[in-house]
C-alpha atoms as a PDB file:
ATOM      1  CA  MET A   1      31.934 -25.183   8.882  1.00  0.00           C
ATOM      2  CA  ALA A   2      29.521 -23.850   6.273  1.00  0.00           C
ATOM      3  CA  SER A   3      30.051 -24.796   2.653  1.00  0.00           C
ATOM      4  CA  ARG A   4      30.885 -22.016   0.237  1.00  0.00           C
ATOM      5  CA  HIS A   5      27.748 -23.087  -1.662  1.00  0.00           C
ATOM      6  CA  THR A   6      25.546 -22.347   1.356  1.00  0.00           C
ATOM      7  CA  SER A   7      23.736 -19.016   1.317  1.00  0.00           C
ATOM      8  CA  VAL A   8      24.580 -16.343   3.875  1.00  0.00           C
ATOM      9  CA  GLU A   9      21.071 -16.630   5.288  1.00  0.00           C
ATOM     10  CA  THR A  10      21.428 -20.393   5.764  1.00  0.00           C
ATOM     11  CA  GLN A  11      24.806 -19.905   7.448  1.00  0.00           C
ATOM     12  CA  ARG A  12      23.248 -17.348   9.795  1.00  0.00           C
ATOM     13  CA  ALA A  13      20.388 -19.731  10.626  1.00  0.00           C
ATOM     14  CA  TYR A  14      22.797 -22.642  11.239  1.00  0.00           C
ATOM     15  CA  ALA A  15      24.898 -20.470  13.542  1.00  0.00           C
ATOM     16  CA  GLY A  16      21.824 -19.637  15.603  1.00  0.00           C
ATOM     17  CA  ASP A  17      20.805 -23.293  15.741  1.00  0.00           C
ATOM     18  CA  LEU A  18      24.249 -24.369  16.939  1.00  0.00           C
ATOM     19  CA  ALA A  19      24.319 -21.595  19.542  1.00  0.00           C
ATOM     20  CA  ARG A  20      21.074 -23.024  20.975  1.00  0.00           C
ATOM     21  CA  LEU A  21      22.588 -26.501  21.011  1.00  0.00           C
ATOM     22  CA  ALA A  22      25.705 -25.182  22.771  1.00  0.00           C
ATOM     23  CA  GLU A  23      23.541 -23.629  25.499  1.00  0.00           C
ATOM     24  CA  PHE A  24      21.679 -26.922  25.937  1.00  0.00           C
ATOM     25  CA  CYS A  25      24.927 -28.878  26.207  1.00  0.00           C
ATOM     26  CA  ALA A  26      26.434 -26.385  28.674  1.00  0.00           C
ATOM     27  CA  GLU A  27      23.378 -26.672  30.924  1.00  0.00           C
ATOM     28  CA  ALA A  28      23.707 -30.472  30.782  1.00  0.00           C
ATOM     29  CA  GLY A  29      27.401 -30.310  31.680  1.00  0.00           C
ATOM     30  CA  LEU A  30      28.534 -31.492  28.242  1.00  0.00           C
ATOM     31  CA  VAL A  31      31.618 -29.332  27.761  1.00  0.00           C
ATOM     32  CA  GLU A  32      33.602 -31.564  25.368  1.00  0.00           C
ATOM     33  CA  LEU A  33      32.451 -32.723  21.945  1.00  0.00           C
ATOM     34  CA  PRO A  34      33.188 -36.433  22.575  1.00  0.00           C
ATOM     35  CA  SER A  35      30.815 -36.338  25.555  1.00  0.00           C
ATOM     36  CA  VAL A  36      27.817 -35.476  23.364  1.00  0.00           C
ATOM     37  CA  GLN A  37      25.893 -38.596  22.380  1.00  0.00           C
ATOM     38  CA  LEU A  38      22.951 -39.335  20.119  1.00  0.00           C
ATOM     39  CA  ARG A  39      20.521 -39.306  23.045  1.00  0.00           C
ATOM     40  CA  HIS A  40      21.595 -35.755  23.919  1.00  0.00           C
ATOM     41  CA  LEU A  41      20.985 -34.534  20.382  1.00  0.00           C
ATOM     42  CA  ARG A  42      17.576 -36.217  20.344  1.00  0.00           C
ATOM     43  CA  ALA A  43      16.706 -34.637  23.679  1.00  0.00           C
ATOM     44  CA  TRP A  44      17.693 -31.198  22.385  1.00  0.00           C
ATOM     45  CA  LEU A  45      15.613 -31.541  19.231  1.00  0.00           C
ATOM     46  CA  ALA A  46      12.670 -32.779  21.299  1.00  0.00           C
ATOM     47  CA  SER A  47      12.978 -29.720  23.544  1.00  0.00           C
ATOM     48  CA  GLN A  48      12.915 -27.495  20.452  1.00  0.00           C
ATOM     49  CA  PHE A  49       9.743 -29.178  19.260  1.00  0.00           C
ATOM     50  CA  ASP A  50       8.162 -28.776  22.694  1.00  0.00           C
ATOM     51  CA  ALA A  51       9.069 -25.085  22.586  1.00  0.00           C
ATOM     52  CA  GLY A  52       6.949 -24.686  19.454  1.00  0.00           C
ATOM     53  CA  ALA A  53       9.477 -25.062  16.628  1.00  0.00           C
ATOM     54  CA  SER A  54       7.836 -26.121  13.368  1.00  0.00           C
ATOM     55  CA  PRO A  55       8.746 -29.393  11.593  1.00  0.00           C
ATOM     56  CA  ALA A  56      10.593 -27.348   8.959  1.00  0.00           C
ATOM     57  CA  THR A  57      12.651 -25.647  11.671  1.00  0.00           C
ATOM     58  CA  ILE A  58      13.427 -28.993  13.322  1.00  0.00           C
ATOM     59  CA  GLN A  59      14.504 -30.320   9.932  1.00  0.00           C
ATOM     60  CA  ARG A  60      16.855 -27.368   9.456  1.00  0.00           C
ATOM     61  CA  ARG A  61      18.308 -27.714  12.952  1.00  0.00           C
ATOM     62  CA  THR A  62      18.913 -31.412  12.317  1.00  0.00           C
ATOM     63  CA  ALA A  63      20.780 -30.468   9.134  1.00  0.00           C
ATOM     64  CA  ALA A  64      22.811 -27.880  11.049  1.00  0.00           C
ATOM     65  CA  VAL A  65      23.855 -30.488  13.643  1.00  0.00           C
ATOM     66  CA  ARG A  66      24.834 -33.006  10.982  1.00  0.00           C
ATOM     67  CA  SER A  67      26.824 -30.401   9.094  1.00  0.00           C
ATOM     68  CA  PHE A  68      28.623 -29.344  12.254  1.00  0.00           C
ATOM     69  CA  TRP A  69      29.611 -32.870  13.284  1.00  0.00           C
ATOM     70  CA  ARG A  70      30.822 -33.766   9.809  1.00  0.00           C
ATOM     71  CA  TRP A  71      33.081 -30.727   9.989  1.00  0.00           C
ATOM     72  CA  ALA A  72      34.210 -31.561  13.542  1.00  0.00           C
ATOM     73  CA  VAL A  73      35.231 -35.085  12.528  1.00  0.00           C
ATOM     74  CA  ARG A  74      37.083 -33.858   9.440  1.00  0.00           C
ATOM     75  CA  ALA A  75      38.875 -31.198  11.492  1.00  0.00           C
ATOM     76  CA  GLY A  76      39.945 -33.758  14.087  1.00  0.00           C
ATOM     77  CA  HIS A  77      37.989 -32.274  17.009  1.00  0.00           C
ATOM     78  CA  THR A  78      36.278 -35.605  17.641  1.00  0.00           C
ATOM     79  CA  THR A  79      36.307 -39.109  16.210  1.00  0.00           C
ATOM     80  CA  ALA A  80      32.611 -39.993  16.670  1.00  0.00           C
ATOM     81  CA  ASP A  81      29.609 -38.521  14.877  1.00  0.00           C
ATOM     82  CA  PRO A  82      26.498 -38.948  17.047  1.00  0.00           C
ATOM     83  CA  SER A  83      24.404 -36.994  14.538  1.00  0.00           C
ATOM     84  CA  ALA A  84      24.635 -39.869  12.047  1.00  0.00           C
ATOM     85  CA  GLY A  85      21.816 -41.584  13.932  1.00  0.00           C
ATOM     86  CA  LEU A  86      19.391 -38.665  13.702  1.00  0.00           C
ATOM     87  CA  ARG A  87      16.324 -39.155  11.549  1.00  0.00           C
ATOM     88  CA  SER A  88      15.041 -36.414   9.303  1.00  0.00           C
ATOM     89  CA  VAL A  89      11.689 -34.894  10.141  1.00  0.00           C
ATOM     90  CA  THR A  90       9.049 -35.289   7.450  1.00  0.00           C
ATOM     91  CA  VAL A  91       7.800 -31.888   6.369  1.00  0.00           C
ATOM     92  CA  HIS A  92       4.448 -31.803   4.628  1.00  0.00           C
ATOM     93  CA  ARG A  93       4.607 -29.125   1.953  1.00  0.00           C
ATOM     94  CA  ALA A  94       1.762 -26.664   2.375  1.00  0.00           C
ATOM     95  CA  LEU A  95       0.406 -24.739  -0.563  1.00  0.00           C
ATOM     96  CA  PRO A  96       2.149 -21.367  -0.499  1.00  0.00           C
ATOM     97  CA  GLU A  97      -0.026 -18.307   0.021  1.00  0.00           C
ATOM     98  CA  THR A  98       0.300 -16.001  -2.937  1.00  0.00           C
ATOM     99  CA  LEU A  99      -1.046 -12.955  -4.748  1.00  0.00           C
ATOM    100  CA  THR A 100      -3.667 -12.915  -7.448  1.00  0.00           C
ATOM    101  CA  GLN A 101      -2.680 -11.409 -10.773  1.00  0.00           C
ATOM    102  CA  ARG A 102      -4.894  -8.426  -9.975  1.00  0.00           C
ATOM    103  CA  GLU A 103      -3.156  -7.871  -6.631  1.00  0.00           C
ATOM    104  CA  ALA A 104       0.269  -8.086  -8.280  1.00  0.00           C
ATOM    105  CA  ALA A 105      -0.750  -5.468 -10.840  1.00  0.00           C
ATOM    106  CA  GLU A 106      -2.156  -3.207  -8.110  1.00  0.00           C
ATOM    107  CA  LEU A 107       1.053  -3.590  -6.101  1.00  0.00           C
ATOM    108  CA  MET A 108       3.240  -2.384  -8.956  1.00  0.00           C
ATOM    109  CA  ALA A 109       0.834   0.436  -9.843  1.00  0.00           C
ATOM    110  CA  ALA A 110       0.785   1.667  -6.239  1.00  0.00           C
ATOM    111  CA  MET A 111       4.572   1.677  -6.005  1.00  0.00           C
ATOM    112  CA  LEU A 112       4.912   3.506  -9.334  1.00  0.00           C
ATOM    113  CA  GLN A 113       2.464   6.120  -8.142  1.00  0.00           C
ATOM    114  CA  GLN A 114       4.387   6.622  -4.905  1.00  0.00           C
ATOM    115  CA  ALA A 115       7.655   6.940  -6.802  1.00  0.00           C
ATOM    116  CA  ALA A 116       6.125   9.533  -9.141  1.00  0.00           C
ATOM    117  CA  GLU A 117       4.717  11.564  -6.246  1.00  0.00           C
ATOM    118  CA  ASN A 118       7.961  11.472  -4.269  1.00  0.00           C
ATOM    119  CA  GLU A 119      10.676  11.422  -6.923  1.00  0.00           C
ATOM    120  CA  THR A 120      13.808  10.071  -5.208  1.00  0.00           C
ATOM    121  CA  ALA A 121      16.571   7.617  -6.029  1.00  0.00           C
ATOM    122  CA  VAL A 122      15.356   5.306  -3.252  1.00  0.00           C
ATOM    123  CA  GLY A 123      11.838   5.374  -4.663  1.00  0.00           C
ATOM    124  CA  ARG A 124      13.074   4.373  -8.119  1.00  0.00           C
ATOM    125  CA  ARG A 125      15.266   1.673  -6.591  1.00  0.00           C
ATOM    126  CA  ASP A 126      12.330   0.227  -4.667  1.00  0.00           C
ATOM    127  CA  VAL A 127      10.122   0.026  -7.754  1.00  0.00           C
ATOM    128  CA  ALA A 128      12.901  -1.700  -9.689  1.00  0.00           C
ATOM    129  CA  MET A 129      13.519  -4.238  -6.919  1.00  0.00           C
ATOM    130  CA  LEU A 130       9.831  -5.132  -6.653  1.00  0.00           C
ATOM    131  CA  GLU A 131       9.451  -5.433 -10.410  1.00  0.00           C
ATOM    132  CA  ILE A 132      12.468  -7.730 -10.658  1.00  0.00           C
ATOM    133  CA  LEU A 133      11.458  -9.865  -7.679  1.00  0.00           C
ATOM    134  CA  TYR A 134       8.081 -10.509  -9.283  1.00  0.00           C
ATOM    135  CA  ALA A 135       9.092 -10.582 -12.961  1.00  0.00           C
ATOM    136  CA  GLY A 136      12.098 -12.858 -12.490  1.00  0.00           C
ATOM    137  CA  GLY A 137      10.964 -14.850  -9.459  1.00  0.00           C
ATOM    138  CA  LEU A 138      14.261 -14.119  -7.731  1.00  0.00           C
ATOM    139  CA  ARG A 139      15.117 -15.148  -4.203  1.00  0.00           C
ATOM    140  CA  VAL A 140      15.946 -12.163  -1.999  1.00  0.00           C
ATOM    141  CA  ALA A 141      19.610 -13.206  -1.746  1.00  0.00           C
ATOM    142  CA  GLU A 142      19.788 -13.444  -5.535  1.00  0.00           C
ATOM    143  CA  LEU A 143      18.359  -9.944  -5.904  1.00  0.00           C
ATOM    144  CA  CYS A 144      20.839  -8.509  -3.386  1.00  0.00           C
ATOM    145  CA  GLY A 145      23.695 -10.277  -5.145  1.00  0.00           C
ATOM    146  CA  LEU A 146      23.033  -8.728  -8.558  1.00  0.00           C
ATOM    147  CA  ASN A 147      25.794  -6.599 -10.086  1.00  0.00           C
ATOM    148  CA  LEU A 148      25.805  -4.058 -12.873  1.00  0.00           C
ATOM    149  CA  THR A 149      27.372  -6.752 -15.037  1.00  0.00           C
ATOM    150  CA  SER A 150      24.373  -9.018 -14.381  1.00  0.00           C
ATOM    151  CA  ILE A 151      22.270  -7.061 -16.873  1.00  0.00           C
ATOM    152  CA  ASP A 152      22.011  -8.352 -20.436  1.00  0.00           C
ATOM    153  CA  ARG A 153      20.190  -5.468 -22.128  1.00  0.00           C
ATOM    154  CA  ALA A 154      20.415  -6.928 -25.627  1.00  0.00           C
ATOM    155  CA  ARG A 155      18.373  -9.977 -24.668  1.00  0.00           C
ATOM    156  CA  GLY A 156      16.327  -8.526 -21.799  1.00  0.00           C
ATOM    157  CA  LEU A 157      17.840 -10.948 -19.277  1.00  0.00           C
ATOM    158  CA  LEU A 158      19.464 -10.936 -15.882  1.00  0.00           C
ATOM    159  CA  ARG A 159      22.315 -13.311 -15.080  1.00  0.00           C
ATOM    160  CA  VAL A 160      21.474 -14.600 -11.623  1.00  0.00           C
ATOM    161  CA  LEU A 161      23.770 -16.508  -9.272  1.00  0.00           C
ATOM    162  CA  GLY A 162      21.558 -18.962  -7.404  1.00  0.00           C
ATOM    163  CA  LYS A 163      21.962 -21.762  -4.904  1.00  0.00           C
ATOM    164  CA  GLY A 164      25.102 -23.839  -5.303  1.00  0.00           C
ATOM    165  CA  ASP A 165      26.730 -20.961  -7.195  1.00  0.00           C
ATOM    166  CA  LYS A 166      24.735 -21.969 -10.281  1.00  0.00           C
ATOM    167  CA  GLU A 167      24.199 -19.162 -12.764  1.00  0.00           C
ATOM    168  CA  ARG A 168      21.016 -18.909 -14.779  1.00  0.00           C
ATOM    169  CA  SER A 169      19.575 -16.347 -17.182  1.00  0.00           C
ATOM    170  CA  VAL A 170      16.187 -14.924 -16.215  1.00  0.00           C
ATOM    171  CA  PRO A 171      13.878 -12.873 -18.471  1.00  0.00           C
ATOM    172  CA  ILE A 172      12.292  -9.901 -16.711  1.00  0.00           C
ATOM    173  CA  GLY A 173       9.975  -8.230 -19.232  1.00  0.00           C
ATOM    174  CA  GLN A 174       9.500  -4.642 -20.327  1.00  0.00           C
ATOM    175  CA  PRO A 175       7.954  -3.124 -17.153  1.00  0.00           C
ATOM    176  CA  ALA A 176      10.877  -4.412 -15.085  1.00  0.00           C
ATOM    177  CA  GLU A 177      13.346  -3.248 -17.732  1.00  0.00           C
ATOM    178  CA  ARG A 178      11.861   0.258 -17.643  1.00  0.00           C
ATOM    179  CA  ALA A 179      11.942   0.319 -13.837  1.00  0.00           C
ATOM    180  CA  LEU A 180      15.556  -0.880 -13.871  1.00  0.00           C
ATOM    181  CA  GLU A 181      16.620   1.825 -16.326  1.00  0.00           C
ATOM    182  CA  ALA A 182      14.854   4.489 -14.235  1.00  0.00           C
ATOM    183  CA  TRP A 183      16.814   3.298 -11.184  1.00  0.00           C
ATOM    184  CA  LEU A 184      20.124   3.194 -13.031  1.00  0.00           C
ATOM    185  CA  GLN A 185      19.651   6.839 -14.014  1.00  0.00           C
ATOM    186  CA  ARG A 186      19.500   7.692 -10.284  1.00  0.00           C
ATOM    187  CA  ARG A 187      21.933   5.080  -8.886  1.00  0.00           C
ATOM    188  CA  ALA A 188      24.843   7.536  -8.804  1.00  0.00           C
ATOM    189  CA  GLU A 189      23.009   9.520  -6.114  1.00  0.00           C
ATOM    190  CA  LEU A 190      23.524   6.655  -3.637  1.00  0.00           C
ATOM    191  CA  VAL A 191      27.008   5.533  -4.703  1.00  0.00           C
ATOM    192  CA  GLY A 192      29.605   5.493  -1.924  1.00  0.00           C
ATOM    193  CA  PRO A 193      33.058   4.044  -1.201  1.00  0.00           C
ATOM    194  CA  THR A 194      31.678   0.523  -0.663  1.00  0.00           C
ATOM    195  CA  SER A 195      29.261   0.412  -3.610  1.00  0.00           C
ATOM    196  CA  GLY A 196      31.491  -1.474  -6.004  1.00  0.00           C
ATOM    197  CA  THR A 197      29.514  -3.025  -8.854  1.00  0.00           C
ATOM    198  CA  ALA A 198      26.436  -3.805  -6.752  1.00  0.00           C
ATOM    199  CA  LEU A 199      23.268  -3.191  -8.767  1.00  0.00           C
ATOM    200  CA  PHE A 200      21.083  -2.185  -5.836  1.00  0.00           C
ATOM    201  CA  LEU A 201      22.429   0.064  -3.087  1.00  0.00           C
ATOM    202  CA  GLY A 202      21.296   0.970   0.385  1.00  0.00           C
ATOM    203  CA  ALA A 203      20.843   4.534   1.580  1.00  0.00           C
ATOM    204  CA  ARG A 204      24.524   4.683   2.663  1.00  0.00           C
ATOM    205  CA  GLY A 205      25.891   3.309  -0.580  1.00  0.00           C
ATOM    206  CA  ALA A 206      26.613  -0.297   0.387  1.00  0.00           C
ATOM    207  CA  ARG A 207      25.081  -3.303  -1.359  1.00  0.00           C
ATOM    208  CA  ILE A 208      21.395  -3.549  -0.454  1.00  0.00           C
ATOM    209  CA  ASP A 209      20.674  -5.617   2.661  1.00  0.00           C
ATOM    210  CA  PRO A 210      18.056  -8.423   2.528  1.00  0.00           C
ATOM    211  CA  ARG A 211      16.339  -6.927   5.584  1.00  0.00           C
ATOM    212  CA  VAL A 212      15.734  -3.695   3.671  1.00  0.00           C
ATOM    213  CA  VAL A 213      14.160  -5.671   0.826  1.00  0.00           C
ATOM    214  CA  ARG A 214      11.896  -7.584   3.218  1.00  0.00           C
ATOM    215  CA  ARG A 215      10.694  -4.380   4.864  1.00  0.00           C
ATOM    216  CA  LEU A 216       9.999  -2.908   1.447  1.00  0.00           C
ATOM    217  CA  VAL A 217       7.880  -5.876   0.344  1.00  0.00           C
ATOM    218  CA  HIS A 218       5.821  -5.861   3.543  1.00  0.00           C
ATOM    219  CA  ARG A 219       5.263  -2.111   3.264  1.00  0.00           C
ATOM    220  CA  ALA A 220       4.342  -2.308  -0.413  1.00  0.00           C
ATOM    221  CA  LEU A 221       1.838  -5.111   0.087  1.00  0.00           C
ATOM    222  CA  GLY A 222       0.157  -2.971   2.732  1.00  0.00           C
ATOM    223  CA  LEU A 223      -0.839  -0.627  -0.107  1.00  0.00           C
ATOM    224  CA  VAL A 224      -3.043  -3.303  -1.708  1.00  0.00           C
ATOM    225  CA  ASP A 225      -6.418  -3.953  -0.100  1.00  0.00           C
ATOM    226  CA  GLY A 226      -6.900  -7.605   0.736  1.00  0.00           C
ATOM    227  CA  ALA A 227      -3.399  -8.703  -0.274  1.00  0.00           C
ATOM    228  CA  PRO A 228      -1.732 -11.244   2.047  1.00  0.00           C
ATOM    229  CA  ASP A 229       1.260 -10.012   4.046  1.00  0.00           C
ATOM    230  CA  LEU A 230       4.018 -11.901   2.277  1.00  0.00           C
ATOM    231  CA  GLY A 231       7.774 -11.520   2.191  1.00  0.00           C
ATOM    232  CA  PRO A 232       9.936 -11.397  -0.944  1.00  0.00           C
ATOM    233  CA  HIS A 233       9.526 -15.150  -1.413  1.00  0.00           C
ATOM    234  CA  GLY A 234       5.794 -14.528  -1.774  1.00  0.00           C
ATOM    235  CA  LEU A 235       6.478 -12.594  -4.968  1.00  0.00           C
ATOM    236  CA  ARG A 236       8.493 -15.570  -6.225  1.00  0.00           C
ATOM    237  CA  HIS A 237       5.517 -17.837  -5.466  1.00  0.00           C
ATOM    238  CA  ALA A 238       3.190 -15.412  -7.260  1.00  0.00           C
ATOM    239  CA  MET A 239       5.369 -15.282 -10.360  1.00  0.00           C
ATOM    240  CA  ALA A 240       5.534 -19.084 -10.632  1.00  0.00           C
ATOM    241  CA  THR A 241       1.798 -19.478 -10.071  1.00  0.00           C
ATOM    242  CA  HIS A 242       0.909 -16.801 -12.621  1.00  0.00           C
ATOM    243  CA  LEU A 243       3.235 -18.305 -15.235  1.00  0.00           C
ATOM    244  CA  LEU A 244       1.529 -21.679 -14.907  1.00  0.00           C
ATOM    245  CA  GLU A 245      -1.907 -20.075 -14.942  1.00  0.00           C
ATOM    246  CA  GLY A 246      -0.887 -18.401 -18.190  1.00  0.00           C
ATOM    247  CA  GLY A 247       0.045 -21.707 -19.806  1.00  0.00           C
ATOM    248  CA  ALA A 248       3.812 -21.936 -19.241  1.00  0.00           C
ATOM    249  CA  ASP A 249       5.179 -25.472 -19.087  1.00  0.00           C
ATOM    250  CA  LEU A 250       6.567 -26.801 -15.839  1.00  0.00           C
ATOM    251  CA  ARG A 251      10.132 -27.297 -17.099  1.00  0.00           C
ATOM    252  CA  SER A 252      10.410 -23.673 -18.212  1.00  0.00           C
ATOM    253  CA  VAL A 253       9.187 -22.456 -14.833  1.00  0.00           C
ATOM    254  CA  GLN A 254      11.675 -24.786 -13.133  1.00  0.00           C
ATOM    255  CA  GLU A 255      14.528 -23.300 -15.174  1.00  0.00           C
ATOM    256  CA  ILE A 256      13.493 -19.709 -14.474  1.00  0.00           C
ATOM    257  CA  LEU A 257      13.198 -20.339 -10.728  1.00  0.00           C
ATOM    258  CA  GLY A 258      16.468 -22.270 -10.588  1.00  0.00           C
ATOM    259  CA  HIS A 259      14.983 -25.348  -8.939  1.00  0.00           C
ATOM    260  CA  ALA A 260      17.280 -28.359  -8.975  1.00  0.00           C
ATOM    261  CA  SER A 261      14.297 -30.707  -9.191  1.00  0.00           C
ATOM    262  CA  VAL A 262      11.028 -30.311 -11.058  1.00  0.00           C
ATOM    263  CA  ALA A 263       9.337 -31.837  -8.006  1.00  0.00           C
ATOM    264  CA  THR A 264       9.965 -28.557  -6.170  1.00  0.00           C
ATOM    265  CA  THR A 265       8.255 -26.618  -8.949  1.00  0.00           C
ATOM    266  CA  GLN A 266       5.346 -29.070  -9.005  1.00  0.00           C
ATOM    267  CA  ILE A 267       3.737 -27.491  -5.947  1.00  0.00           C
ATOM    268  CA  TYR A 268       2.749 -24.441  -7.997  1.00  0.00           C
ATOM    269  CA  THR A 269       0.570 -26.587 -10.224  1.00  0.00           C
ATOM    270  CA  HIS A 270      -1.379 -27.476  -7.083  1.00  0.00           C
ATOM    271  CA  VAL A 271      -1.845 -23.775  -6.317  1.00  0.00           C
ATOM    272  CA  SER A 272      -3.208 -23.196  -9.809  1.00  0.00           C
ATOM    273  CA  ASN A 273      -5.494 -26.224  -9.535  1.00  0.00           C
ATOM    274  CA  GLU A 274      -6.837 -24.992  -6.194  1.00  0.00           C
ATOM    275  CA  ARG A 275      -7.694 -21.664  -7.800  1.00  0.00           C
ATOM    276  CA  LEU A 276      -9.432 -23.395 -10.684  1.00  0.00           C
ATOM    277  CA  ARG A 277     -11.520 -25.459  -8.279  1.00  0.00           C
ATOM    278  CA  ALA A 278     -12.403 -22.373  -6.244  1.00  0.00           C
ATOM    279  CA  ALA A 279     -13.463 -20.507  -9.383  1.00  0.00           C
ATOM    280  CA  PHE A 280     -15.510 -23.488 -10.530  1.00  0.00           C
ATOM    281  CA  ALA A 281     -17.238 -23.800  -7.155  1.00  0.00           C
ATOM    282  CA  GLN A 282     -18.088 -20.114  -7.129  1.00  0.00           C
ATOM    283  CA  ALA A 283     -19.221 -19.657 -10.713  1.00  0.00           C
ATOM    284  CA  HIS A 284     -20.483 -22.930 -12.186  1.00  0.00           C
ATOM    285  CA  PRO A 285     -24.236 -23.471 -11.870  1.00  0.00           C
ATOM    286  CA  ARG A 286     -23.755 -27.179 -11.231  1.00  0.00           C
ATOM    287  CA  ALA A 287     -20.726 -26.947  -8.948  1.00  0.00           C
END
């Protein structure tokens, strides 16, 4: 059912959404696809909302249902598509919580110190992953998908495969380059039969799992006093916000992040503006 351009994480989320729908239909005695009507889908989505699902989650579950029924019609499992009548939920984009530049610097310094005190291959790997997440603004799936061939040392770039299988080149800067080289010098210590060309490896030698990266980010942020408890995407938000605060133009930030539309990148200008207003209110004598 899932498109080859859909990320593994999205496919996993859709599968969970459809499993919930299947349970709802079974309880309602709807055992054949043609028996499911628009009113049943609306009732299921309403029950999800009543159970506390956020508008963004409802929007995703609506997309999962539509995707499933389009596939079912194409595959000949049913002739009607009741999901065509579903309306999309409007999701108001909230300003993403992010790190200050000081907190980002403290995060990297704390991880470097830990790696120096406990010199292991895993420690060097963790520093490199954090540096690249922040320096390049990578999504966690993009980080996990990096290969040894993704590194362009001559130009200081990483070739990143993003959403829709679109490749982009991302600059990462000297601190991230140094951290990456330090990891590569120790990578062989974790290599196993399933390592292949994966850039980052788990403790057993397989390609690094997104869950390992998420745990790392949460643990690392706990080392910084006052830092919000963000996941890997929080480092992506921080990178975009700090670029704009430093004077980068919106189109360049859009290209680095791999956003299809500049409207998606636009939200980070609001974050920067909020910070400017907060600084003004705190410091200006006539605020």
